[in-house]
Amino acid sequence: MTYFPDRLIEGAGNYAGEYFALMAAAAATIDPGAITAAGELMAETTKAGHRIFSCGNGGSAAIANHLVCDCLKGIRTDTALRPKVHSLSTTVELITAIVNDIGSEEMFSFQLESLGEAGDLLIAISSSGASPNIVRTLELARSMGIRTIAMSGFAGMPSRSLADVSLHVDCQNYGVVEDLHQSLMHILAQYTRHSHLDNPEKLGTLKF
C-alpha cells in the first residue's frame, strides 16, 4: 500500500498540484448511486418530520457540526422544508461526562439512545471507518430502526458494511478523505435545497 506523498516534493505549489490530483482520483471512487440514495434518505427523513443526527471524531467532528449549519439553515432557505438536525459531537460537557462515567465507546450511542427514534437518520463520519464509538452508534441505530449513512475512507470497515448507505472514499490520506467528506456534506445539503426550491426560477441567482 502506498501513502501520499511517497516522495519529497519541492514547493507548496507543486505539493498542492499533487494533492489536488489525488483528490480528483479519490472523488472518482465515490459511488454516484450511493450519493443519490443518501440524498433521498435526507429528503425523506426531513419531509417526514424525523430528525437527522450526525457524529464524528476529530476533523470528522468538525464536519458533523458543520453539517448542522448547512442542513438546518441552508436547506430551509427558500424551501418549505424544516430540517431537524443535531450533532452528537457538539456538546463538550455532555461528551466528557459520558466518557468519564461510562466510556468513550458510548459517547455518541448514549446520546442517540436517548434522543433517537425509529425513522430518524444517522450520518456517521469516520475516515478509517473503524472508530469504536462510530461503530457502536451505527450498530445501535440499526437496532432502533434508525436509518444510517456512513462516510468513510481507507478500508472503511466495519462502518461501510453496517450502514444503509455507504459513502466511501478509496484513499489513504486523511486530509483528502476529510476534504471529500466535507464536499459530500455540502453536496447533500445543497442538492436537497436545490431540489425543493419554492420557486425554481431562483436557480442560479441565489447564494447558498
Protein backbone atom coordinates (compact mmCIF):
# COMPACT_ATOMS: atom_id res chain seq x y z
CA MET A 1 0.00 0.00 0.00
CA THR A 2 1.36 3.43 -0.95
CA TYR A 3 0.55 6.51 1.09
CA PHE A 4 0.65 10.08 -0.21
CA PRO A 5 3.17 11.59 -0.54
CA ASP A 6 5.57 8.77 -1.34
CA ARG A 7 8.46 11.12 -2.16
CA LEU A 8 9.78 14.55 -1.26
CA ILE A 9 8.01 17.28 -3.24
CA GLU A 10 9.72 20.65 -3.53
CA GLY A 11 7.49 23.68 -3.04
CA ALA A 12 4.00 24.03 -1.59
CA GLY A 13 2.59 24.83 -5.05
CA ASN A 14 3.87 21.56 -6.50
CA TYR A 15 2.66 19.71 -3.43
CA ALA A 16 -0.79 21.27 -3.93
CA GLY A 17 -0.87 20.12 -7.54
CA GLU A 18 -0.17 16.53 -6.50
CA TYR A 19 -2.70 16.80 -3.66
CA PHE A 20 -5.46 18.08 -5.91
CA ALA A 21 -4.72 15.34 -8.43
CA LEU A 22 -5.11 12.77 -5.63
CA MET A 23 -8.37 14.42 -4.58
CA ALA A 24 -9.76 14.14 -8.10
CA ALA A 25 -8.79 10.47 -8.30
CA ALA A 26 -10.30 9.76 -4.88
CA ALA A 27 -13.53 11.62 -5.73
CA ALA A 28 -13.96 9.36 -8.75
CA THR A 29 -14.12 6.34 -6.42
CA ILE A 30 -17.29 7.54 -4.66
CA ASP A 31 -20.36 5.68 -5.92
CA PRO A 32 -22.80 8.19 -7.54
CA GLY A 33 -25.67 5.80 -6.84
CA ALA A 34 -24.82 5.90 -3.14
CA ILE A 35 -24.84 9.71 -3.22
CA THR A 36 -28.28 9.62 -4.84
CA ALA A 37 -29.52 7.20 -2.17
CA ALA A 38 -28.10 9.40 0.60
CA GLY A 39 -29.86 12.43 -0.84
CA GLU A 40 -33.15 10.54 -0.96
CA LEU A 41 -32.75 9.49 2.68
CA MET A 42 -32.12 13.07 3.76
CA ALA A 43 -35.16 14.37 1.89
CA GLU A 44 -37.45 11.56 3.09
CA THR A 45 -36.38 12.00 6.70
CA THR A 46 -36.89 15.76 6.59
CA LYS A 47 -40.28 15.57 4.88
CA ALA A 48 -41.48 13.03 7.44
CA GLY A 49 -40.54 15.35 10.29
CA HIS A 50 -37.91 12.99 11.69
CA ARG A 51 -34.50 14.00 12.99
CA ILE A 52 -31.10 13.85 11.32
CA PHE A 53 -28.19 13.11 13.66
CA SER A 54 -24.50 13.42 12.82
CA CYS A 55 -21.33 12.37 14.62
CA GLY A 56 -17.60 12.07 14.13
CA ASN A 57 -14.25 12.36 15.89
CA GLY A 58 -11.55 14.99 15.37
CA GLY A 59 -11.80 16.54 11.90
CA SER A 60 -14.88 14.41 11.30
CA ALA A 61 -16.50 16.05 14.35
CA ALA A 62 -15.99 19.41 12.67
CA ILE A 63 -17.75 18.09 9.55
CA ALA A 64 -20.58 16.68 11.69
CA ASN A 65 -21.03 20.07 13.35
CA HIS A 66 -20.82 21.96 10.05
CA LEU A 67 -23.50 19.65 8.67
CA VAL A 68 -25.96 21.07 11.20
CA CYS A 69 -25.44 24.60 9.88
CA ASP A 70 -25.70 23.74 6.19
CA CYS A 71 -28.62 21.36 6.58
CA LEU A 72 -30.71 23.23 9.14
CA LYS A 73 -30.20 26.78 7.86
CA GLY A 74 -29.21 26.11 4.25
CA ILE A 75 -31.95 23.66 3.34
CA ARG A 76 -34.64 25.92 4.87
CA THR A 77 -33.70 28.85 2.64
CA ASP A 78 -36.45 29.31 0.02
CA THR A 79 -37.96 25.85 0.61
CA ALA A 80 -40.85 24.51 2.66
CA LEU A 81 -38.51 22.01 4.34
CA ARG A 82 -37.83 22.34 8.06
CA PRO A 83 -34.91 20.00 8.87
CA LYS A 84 -34.39 18.87 12.45
CA VAL A 85 -30.62 18.37 12.61
CA HIS A 86 -28.46 17.58 15.64
CA SER A 87 -24.74 16.85 16.00
CA LEU A 88 -23.82 14.36 18.70
CA SER A 89 -20.25 15.73 18.57
CA THR A 90 -21.03 19.24 19.72
CA THR A 91 -21.67 19.33 23.49
CA VAL A 92 -18.32 19.06 25.26
CA GLU A 93 -19.87 18.96 28.72
CA LEU A 94 -22.11 16.01 27.89
CA ILE A 95 -19.49 14.13 25.89
CA THR A 96 -16.87 14.39 28.64
CA ALA A 97 -19.38 13.27 31.26
CA ILE A 98 -20.28 10.20 29.21
CA VAL A 99 -16.63 9.36 28.53
CA ASN A 100 -15.69 9.83 32.19
CA ASP A 101 -18.60 7.96 33.73
CA ILE A 102 -19.47 5.34 31.09
CA GLY A 103 -16.74 5.04 28.46
CA SER A 104 -15.51 6.56 25.22
CA GLU A 105 -17.23 3.97 23.03
CA GLU A 106 -20.60 5.20 24.28
CA MET A 107 -20.10 8.94 23.75
CA PHE A 108 -22.43 9.07 20.74
CA SER A 109 -24.57 5.96 21.20
CA PHE A 110 -25.64 7.00 24.70
CA GLN A 111 -26.99 10.27 23.28
CA LEU A 112 -28.68 8.58 20.32
CA GLU A 113 -30.36 6.07 22.60
CA SER A 114 -31.99 8.95 24.49
CA LEU A 115 -32.81 11.24 21.55
CA GLY A 116 -33.32 8.98 18.54
CA GLU A 117 -36.48 7.28 17.29
CA ALA A 118 -37.35 4.88 14.50
CA GLY A 119 -37.46 6.75 11.20
CA ASP A 120 -34.65 9.13 12.13
CA LEU A 121 -31.39 9.27 10.17
CA LEU A 122 -27.82 8.99 11.45
CA ILE A 123 -24.89 10.33 9.40
CA ALA A 124 -21.74 8.78 10.89
CA ILE A 125 -18.40 10.16 9.70
CA SER A 126 -15.15 8.25 10.21
CA SER A 127 -12.10 8.44 7.95
CA SER A 128 -10.98 4.96 8.98
CA GLY A 129 -14.48 3.53 9.32
CA ALA A 130 -13.22 1.67 12.37
CA SER A 131 -13.62 4.14 15.25
CA PRO A 132 -15.21 2.11 18.08
CA ASN A 133 -17.64 4.88 19.09
CA ILE A 134 -18.82 5.27 15.48
CA VAL A 135 -19.23 1.51 15.01
CA ARG A 136 -21.17 1.26 18.27
CA THR A 137 -23.51 4.08 17.21
CA LEU A 138 -24.16 2.52 13.80
CA GLU A 139 -24.98 -0.79 15.48
CA LEU A 140 -27.33 0.88 17.93
CA ALA A 141 -29.04 2.85 15.17
CA ARG A 142 -29.81 -0.36 13.28
CA SER A 143 -31.35 -1.92 16.40
CA MET A 144 -33.53 1.19 16.91
CA GLY A 145 -34.85 1.38 13.36
CA ILE A 146 -32.79 4.48 12.62
CA ARG A 147 -31.50 4.60 9.04
CA THR A 148 -27.83 5.29 8.51
CA ILE A 149 -25.34 6.89 6.15
CA ALA A 150 -21.65 6.17 6.75
CA MET A 151 -18.88 8.35 5.32
CA SER A 152 -15.57 6.51 5.35
CA GLY A 153 -12.12 6.29 3.79
CA PHE A 154 -9.12 3.92 3.91
CA ALA A 155 -10.57 0.37 4.19
CA GLY A 156 -13.77 1.82 5.68
CA MET A 157 -14.72 -1.29 7.62
CA PRO A 158 -16.83 -2.10 9.50
CA SER A 159 -18.77 1.16 9.05
CA ARG A 160 -19.28 0.51 5.34
CA SER A 161 -21.00 -2.81 5.99
CA LEU A 162 -23.15 -1.53 8.87
CA ALA A 163 -24.72 1.45 7.10
CA ASP A 164 -27.79 1.55 4.89
CA VAL A 165 -25.84 3.82 2.54
CA SER A 166 -22.05 3.82 2.31
CA LEU A 167 -20.29 6.93 1.00
CA HIS A 168 -16.78 5.52 0.77
CA VAL A 169 -13.68 7.40 -0.39
CA ASP A 170 -11.00 4.98 -1.58
CA CYS A 171 -7.97 6.93 -0.38
CA GLN A 172 -5.21 6.53 2.21
CA ASN A 173 -4.70 10.22 3.08
CA TYR A 174 -6.69 11.67 5.97
CA GLY A 175 -6.71 15.19 4.55
CA VAL A 176 -8.12 14.08 1.21
CA VAL A 177 -10.72 11.83 2.83
CA GLU A 178 -11.87 14.63 5.13
CA ASP A 179 -11.94 17.14 2.25
CA LEU A 180 -14.20 14.85 0.26
CA HIS A 181 -16.43 14.08 3.24
CA GLN A 182 -16.85 17.84 3.64
CA SER A 183 -17.70 18.08 -0.05
CA LEU A 184 -20.24 15.26 0.26
CA MET A 185 -21.86 17.09 3.17
CA HIS A 186 -22.13 20.25 1.07
CA ILE A 187 -23.45 18.31 -1.92
CA LEU A 188 -26.18 16.59 0.10
CA ALA A 189 -27.27 19.81 1.79
CA GLN A 190 -27.18 21.92 -1.35
CA TYR A 191 -28.88 19.31 -3.52
CA THR A 192 -31.68 18.81 -1.00
CA ARG A 193 -32.37 22.55 -1.11
CA HIS A 194 -31.86 22.70 -4.89
CA SER A 195 -34.46 20.00 -5.48
CA HIS A 196 -37.08 21.57 -3.20
CA LEU A 197 -36.95 25.26 -4.09
CA ASP A 198 -40.27 27.08 -3.76
CA ASN A 199 -39.51 28.94 -6.98
CA PRO A 200 -37.20 27.16 -9.49
CA GLU A 201 -36.76 30.50 -11.29
CA LYS A 202 -34.39 31.45 -8.48
CA LEU A 203 -31.89 28.85 -9.65
CA GLY A 204 -28.59 30.49 -10.46
CA THR A 205 -29.48 33.73 -8.70
CA LEU A 206 -29.07 32.74 -5.05
CA LYS A 207 -26.10 32.15 -2.81
CA PHE A 208 -26.23 29.05 -0.65
